Amino acid sequence: MMTRLKQEDAPVSVGPRPRPHGRMAFPVVLALLLAATCPSAPAAPWPSLTGDARAVGIGGAYAALARGPLAPLWNPAGIITAPGVQVALSSALLSSGDGSLLVGAAIVAAGGPAVAWNLIEDGSGRAIQGTFALALREEVTVGATAMYDVAAPAGFALGVGLLVAGEAWSLGASLLGLGAGPFGPPRTPQLLLGFSLRTVPAITIGIDLHLFSTGGEIALGGVANLWAVGLRWGLAMGVHGGLERAGLGCDLALMGQELNIALLVRGADLSLTIVVGLEARIPAWW
C-alpha cells in the first residue's frame, strides 16, 4: 500500500521525458498577465472545491495532480491511471450544516482510452457528468467532459483538459464551465493551470493558477507519503493578496483501499469544512 500511495500523487510517465518547448511558456505568461488585471474574488473550480477530499487537503493545487474518477472536476485528462475499474465517493460537511456528495466511476483500458461518470449533489442541486480521455503519447493525455445540471434548463457545460508528465514533474491545464449555443446559455469559464514537482522520492509539491471572470487565485500545496500514510497540506491566495482558504488532509490504507480525510478553512469568517472520501480499485482482468 505504501507504494500505491506514492504512485498516486507522483507524476506518471512511462516513456522518455518530453523536451520542453518555448511555446509551452506562452499560455502560462498570458495567464499571469490576465490574472494581474483581474480583481480578486473568492472562487472555486466547478461545481465546488469543497467536494473532493484530495483537492481540499492540498489547498486546490490540483490541476496537475488530479487522478482517478473524481479528476474531471479539476482536469478531465486525469482519469487515465492504472488499468481497471475504479469507484470513488467523497462527502463534505460544512460548518453551516450544508453538505455535498461526489460519486465517480471510471473504466481504464490498458494502453488505451478511459471513460468516467460522475454524480454531483450539493445545496444548489444535482448534476451528472461524463468524461472521455485518451493518451496521445505515453506522456501526453487529453480529456473532454460534459456536465448536465438537472435543475437548470439547457444546463449543459463542457470542459477540456491536458496532462503532460515527465519523470519527476507534470503539467496540467484545463478549461471548464464552457457553455453556449446548443449547449445552453453562456457560462463563466474557468482556466486552471498547474505544475507539480517531486522534490524527493516521498514529497511532491504542486502550484496552481486559477483564473475566473471575477478574479483569480494562486494555490500552493504538497503531499508527503510516509509508509502507508499520505499527508497533504496547502493554501490558496487571491492574485492581489488575501488568504482564500487553507487545507490539511491525510490518506490512509483501509482494507486494501484508500480513505481520504481533509479539513478546509475558508473566508474571513474561517468557516470549516470536513471532507471524507473513499476510493476502491479493481485491477484489469481483461
Protein backbone atom coordinates (compact mmCIF):
# COMPACT_ATOMS: atom_id res chain seq x y z
CA MET A 1 0.00 0.00 0.00
CA MET A 2 2.87 2.34 0.65
CA THR A 3 3.97 2.07 -2.96
CA ARG A 4 0.47 2.68 -4.28
CA LEU A 5 0.02 5.86 -2.30
CA LYS A 6 3.32 7.18 -3.59
CA GLN A 7 2.40 6.46 -7.18
CA GLU A 8 -0.97 8.18 -6.82
CA ASP A 9 0.46 11.67 -6.37
CA ALA A 10 3.74 11.30 -8.23
CA PRO A 11 3.77 12.44 -11.89
CA VAL A 12 3.12 9.45 -14.12
CA SER A 13 5.36 8.83 -17.10
CA VAL A 14 6.00 5.50 -18.80
CA GLY A 15 8.04 6.87 -21.67
CA PRO A 16 11.00 9.15 -22.23
CA ARG A 17 10.83 12.63 -20.75
CA PRO A 18 9.46 15.08 -23.35
CA ARG A 19 11.65 18.01 -24.22
CA PRO A 20 10.10 21.31 -23.16
CA HIS A 21 9.36 23.79 -25.93
CA GLY A 22 9.36 27.53 -25.76
CA ARG A 23 5.75 27.55 -26.95
CA MET A 24 4.65 25.90 -23.70
CA ALA A 25 5.60 29.03 -21.76
CA PHE A 26 3.35 31.32 -23.81
CA PRO A 27 -0.04 30.30 -22.30
CA VAL A 28 1.42 30.48 -18.79
CA VAL A 29 2.75 34.01 -19.33
CA LEU A 30 -0.53 35.05 -20.92
CA ALA A 31 -2.48 33.66 -17.97
CA LEU A 32 -0.29 35.53 -15.49
CA LEU A 33 -0.88 38.78 -17.36
CA LEU A 34 -4.63 38.18 -17.36
CA ALA A 35 -4.58 37.39 -13.65
CA ALA A 36 -2.76 40.61 -12.87
CA THR A 37 -5.55 42.62 -14.48
CA CYS A 38 -8.44 40.78 -12.79
CA PRO A 39 -9.93 41.82 -9.45
CA SER A 40 -9.51 39.21 -6.76
CA ALA A 41 -12.63 37.36 -5.68
CA PRO A 42 -13.32 34.05 -3.93
CA ALA A 43 -13.99 31.35 -6.48
CA ALA A 44 -13.52 27.64 -6.97
CA PRO A 45 -13.48 25.12 -9.83
CA TRP A 46 -16.83 23.75 -10.95
CA PRO A 47 -19.03 22.82 -9.26
CA SER A 48 -17.32 23.25 -5.87
CA LEU A 49 -13.89 22.98 -4.31
CA THR A 50 -15.31 21.55 -1.11
CA GLY A 51 -16.32 18.17 -2.53
CA ASP A 52 -13.06 16.34 -3.32
CA ALA A 53 -11.07 15.30 -0.24
CA ARG A 54 -7.77 15.09 -2.13
CA ALA A 55 -8.14 18.55 -3.66
CA VAL A 56 -9.24 20.02 -0.32
CA GLY A 57 -6.22 18.62 1.51
CA ILE A 58 -3.76 20.14 -0.96
CA GLY A 59 -5.44 23.55 -0.93
CA GLY A 60 -6.67 23.29 -4.51
CA ALA A 61 -3.21 22.98 -6.12
CA TYR A 62 -4.59 20.01 -8.02
CA ALA A 63 -4.74 20.69 -11.76
CA ALA A 64 -1.51 18.74 -12.45
CA LEU A 65 -2.15 16.08 -9.77
CA ALA A 66 -5.82 15.21 -10.34
CA ARG A 67 -6.17 11.45 -10.77
CA GLY A 68 -8.98 8.92 -10.62
CA PRO A 69 -12.78 9.01 -11.03
CA LEU A 70 -13.18 12.47 -9.44
CA ALA A 71 -10.46 14.08 -11.57
CA PRO A 72 -12.93 15.57 -14.12
CA LEU A 73 -13.85 18.25 -11.58
CA TRP A 74 -10.29 19.58 -11.98
CA ASN A 75 -8.74 18.06 -15.08
CA PRO A 76 -10.61 15.63 -17.37
CA ALA A 77 -7.32 14.13 -18.58
CA GLY A 78 -6.63 12.75 -15.09
CA ILE A 79 -8.96 9.76 -15.33
CA ILE A 80 -6.29 7.68 -17.10
CA THR A 81 -4.50 5.77 -14.33
CA ALA A 82 -3.71 2.08 -13.81
CA PRO A 83 -5.87 -0.22 -15.98
CA GLY A 84 -9.03 -1.47 -14.30
CA VAL A 85 -12.24 -0.26 -12.71
CA GLN A 86 -12.24 2.50 -10.09
CA VAL A 87 -15.05 3.78 -7.89
CA ALA A 88 -14.85 6.83 -5.62
CA LEU A 89 -17.10 8.88 -3.39
CA SER A 90 -16.42 11.99 -1.35
CA SER A 91 -18.75 13.74 1.09
CA ALA A 92 -18.34 17.19 2.61
CA LEU A 93 -20.00 18.70 5.68
CA LEU A 94 -19.85 22.49 6.05
CA SER A 95 -19.98 24.31 9.36
CA SER A 96 -23.23 25.90 8.18
CA GLY A 97 -24.83 22.45 8.13
CA ASP A 98 -24.91 22.17 4.33
CA GLY A 99 -23.15 19.32 2.58
CA SER A 100 -22.16 17.89 -0.78
CA LEU A 101 -21.65 14.46 -2.29
CA LEU A 102 -19.48 13.41 -5.22
CA VAL A 103 -19.68 9.92 -6.75
CA GLY A 104 -17.47 8.72 -9.58
CA ALA A 105 -16.70 5.55 -11.55
CA ALA A 106 -14.05 5.05 -14.23
CA ILE A 107 -13.01 2.27 -16.59
CA VAL A 108 -9.41 2.47 -17.83
CA ALA A 109 -8.13 0.25 -20.66
CA ALA A 110 -4.53 -0.95 -20.73
CA GLY A 111 -2.67 1.46 -23.02
CA GLY A 112 -5.95 2.79 -24.29
CA PRO A 113 -8.71 5.30 -23.52
CA ALA A 114 -10.71 5.78 -20.32
CA VAL A 115 -14.28 6.79 -19.55
CA ALA A 116 -15.76 8.11 -16.31
CA TRP A 117 -19.17 9.02 -14.90
CA ASN A 118 -19.87 11.40 -12.04
CA LEU A 119 -22.82 12.43 -9.90
CA ILE A 120 -22.58 15.74 -8.05
CA GLU A 121 -25.03 16.83 -5.36
CA ASP A 122 -24.82 19.95 -3.20
CA GLY A 123 -27.04 22.66 -1.82
CA SER A 124 -27.60 24.14 -5.29
CA GLY A 125 -28.89 20.95 -6.89
CA ARG A 126 -27.72 17.87 -8.77
CA ALA A 127 -25.56 17.36 -11.86
CA ILE A 128 -24.36 14.38 -13.87
CA GLN A 129 -21.12 14.29 -15.81
CA GLY A 130 -19.47 12.11 -18.43
CA THR A 131 -15.76 12.17 -19.37
CA PHE A 132 -13.55 10.62 -22.03
CA ALA A 133 -9.73 10.69 -22.04
CA LEU A 134 -7.12 9.47 -24.48
CA ALA A 135 -3.33 9.13 -24.34
CA LEU A 136 -1.86 10.88 -27.40
CA ARG A 137 1.61 9.73 -26.41
CA GLU A 138 2.97 7.86 -23.41
CA GLU A 139 3.48 11.14 -21.57
CA VAL A 140 0.65 13.28 -23.03
CA THR A 141 -3.03 12.80 -22.15
CA VAL A 142 -6.08 14.79 -23.21
CA GLY A 143 -9.64 14.63 -21.95
CA ALA A 144 -13.08 16.12 -22.57
CA THR A 145 -16.07 16.24 -20.25
CA ALA A 146 -19.74 17.25 -20.36
CA MET A 147 -21.86 18.13 -17.34
CA TYR A 148 -25.64 18.40 -17.21
CA ASP A 149 -27.24 20.41 -14.41
CA VAL A 150 -30.52 18.65 -13.70
CA ALA A 151 -32.07 21.73 -12.07
CA ALA A 152 -31.19 24.21 -14.83
CA PRO A 153 -32.94 24.39 -18.22
CA ALA A 154 -30.50 23.61 -21.02
CA GLY A 155 -27.91 23.29 -18.29
CA PHE A 156 -25.07 21.74 -20.27
CA ALA A 157 -21.44 22.72 -19.66
CA LEU A 158 -18.30 21.43 -21.35
CA GLY A 159 -14.66 21.15 -20.32
CA VAL A 160 -11.31 20.04 -21.74
CA GLY A 161 -8.04 19.10 -20.07
CA LEU A 162 -4.39 18.29 -20.78
CA LEU A 163 -1.73 16.47 -18.75
CA VAL A 164 1.95 16.24 -19.66
CA ALA A 165 4.08 14.05 -17.38
CA GLY A 166 7.85 13.85 -17.04
CA GLU A 167 9.94 11.61 -14.84
CA ALA A 168 9.57 13.83 -11.76
CA TRP A 169 7.17 16.57 -12.85
CA SER A 170 3.82 17.11 -14.51
CA LEU A 171 1.96 19.97 -16.18
CA GLY A 172 -1.81 20.26 -16.16
CA ALA A 173 -4.20 22.65 -17.88
CA SER A 174 -7.98 22.62 -18.08
CA LEU A 175 -10.73 24.92 -19.28
CA LEU A 176 -14.02 24.16 -17.53
CA GLY A 177 -17.55 25.51 -17.49
CA LEU A 178 -17.89 26.22 -21.22
CA GLY A 179 -21.44 26.54 -22.46
CA ALA A 180 -23.08 28.39 -25.36
CA GLY A 181 -25.31 27.90 -28.39
CA PRO A 182 -26.80 24.39 -28.49
CA PHE A 183 -25.20 23.53 -25.14
CA GLY A 184 -27.13 26.09 -23.12
CA PRO A 185 -26.72 29.74 -22.13
CA PRO A 186 -23.29 31.38 -21.92
CA ARG A 187 -21.43 30.36 -18.77
CA THR A 188 -18.46 31.52 -16.77
CA PRO A 189 -15.37 29.58 -17.95
CA GLN A 190 -12.59 28.72 -15.56
CA LEU A 191 -8.96 28.26 -16.59
CA LEU A 192 -6.79 26.08 -14.34
CA LEU A 193 -3.02 25.81 -14.85
CA GLY A 194 -0.91 23.56 -12.64
CA PHE A 195 2.64 22.33 -12.18
CA SER A 196 3.89 19.60 -9.83
CA LEU A 197 7.40 18.53 -8.93
CA ARG A 198 8.61 15.51 -6.94
CA THR A 199 11.36 17.16 -4.91
CA VAL A 200 12.43 14.00 -3.08
CA PRO A 201 11.11 10.44 -3.51
CA ALA A 202 8.33 10.86 -0.92
CA ILE A 203 7.36 14.55 -1.34
CA THR A 204 5.50 16.21 -4.22
CA ILE A 205 4.89 19.97 -4.46
CA GLY A 206 2.12 21.49 -6.57
CA ILE A 207 1.36 25.07 -7.62
CA ASP A 208 -1.75 26.22 -9.49
CA LEU A 209 -3.03 29.38 -11.12
CA HIS A 210 -6.84 29.57 -11.30
CA LEU A 211 -8.46 32.27 -13.44
CA PHE A 212 -12.14 33.23 -13.38
CA SER A 213 -14.08 36.10 -14.89
CA THR A 214 -14.43 37.52 -11.36
CA GLY A 215 -10.73 37.24 -10.47
CA GLY A 216 -8.04 34.69 -9.86
CA GLU A 217 -6.07 32.85 -7.23
CA ILE A 218 -2.78 31.04 -6.70
CA ALA A 219 -2.75 27.72 -4.82
CA LEU A 220 0.31 26.02 -3.34
CA GLY A 221 0.35 22.61 -1.67
CA GLY A 222 2.27 19.44 -1.04
CA VAL A 223 1.96 15.71 -0.43
CA ALA A 224 4.30 13.62 1.71
CA ASN A 225 3.97 9.82 1.65
CA LEU A 226 5.20 8.18 4.86
CA TRP A 227 4.84 4.41 4.92
CA ALA A 228 1.10 3.73 4.40
CA VAL A 229 0.02 7.30 5.24
CA GLY A 230 -0.10 10.28 2.90
CA LEU A 231 -0.09 13.78 4.39
CA ARG A 232 -1.48 16.76 2.45
CA TRP A 233 -1.33 20.48 3.07
CA GLY A 234 -1.96 23.62 1.05
CA LEU A 235 -3.41 27.11 0.81
CA ALA A 236 -4.76 29.50 -1.81
CA MET A 237 -4.42 33.27 -2.06
CA GLY A 238 -6.03 35.86 -4.31
CA VAL A 239 -3.76 37.23 -7.03
CA HIS A 240 -3.84 40.60 -5.26
CA GLY A 241 -3.32 39.12 -1.80
CA GLY A 242 -5.59 37.78 0.90
CA LEU A 243 -5.91 34.18 2.07
CA GLU A 244 -8.81 32.41 0.36
CA ARG A 245 -8.52 29.03 2.10
CA ALA A 246 -6.19 26.56 3.80
CA GLY A 247 -6.41 22.78 3.75
CA LEU A 248 -4.96 19.83 5.62
CA GLY A 249 -5.55 16.15 4.94
CA CYS A 250 -4.34 12.58 5.13
CA ASP A 251 -4.69 9.41 3.04
CA LEU A 252 -4.95 6.06 4.83
CA ALA A 253 -4.98 2.44 3.72
CA LEU A 254 -8.30 0.81 4.65
CA MET A 255 -8.81 -2.89 3.89
CA GLY A 256 -6.74 -2.62 0.74
CA GLN A 257 -8.44 0.58 -0.43
CA GLU A 258 -7.83 4.29 0.22
CA LEU A 259 -9.54 6.57 2.74
CA ASN A 260 -9.09 10.35 2.42
CA ILE A 261 -9.86 12.82 5.21
CA ALA A 262 -9.44 16.59 4.88
CA LEU A 263 -10.19 19.83 6.73
CA LEU A 264 -10.75 23.11 4.90
CA VAL A 265 -10.85 26.62 6.37
CA ARG A 266 -12.27 29.32 4.10
CA GLY A 267 -13.05 33.02 4.03
CA ALA A 268 -12.76 35.83 6.53
CA ASP A 269 -15.16 34.05 8.88
CA LEU A 270 -12.89 30.95 8.92
CA SER A 271 -15.74 28.60 8.04
CA LEU A 272 -14.76 24.96 8.48
CA THR A 273 -15.48 22.07 6.10
CA ILE A 274 -14.83 18.39 6.84
CA VAL A 275 -14.46 16.11 3.82
CA VAL A 276 -14.24 12.30 3.79
CA GLY A 277 -13.54 10.28 0.66
CA LEU A 278 -13.11 6.62 -0.22
CA GLU A 279 -11.71 5.07 -3.41
CA ALA A 280 -11.72 1.41 -4.43
CA ARG A 281 -9.87 -0.18 -7.34
CA ILE A 282 -10.37 -3.45 -9.18
CA PRO A 283 -7.35 -4.32 -11.37
CA ALA A 284 -7.96 -5.10 -15.03
CA TRP A 285 -8.86 -8.74 -15.68
CA TRP A 286 -9.14 -8.42 -19.46
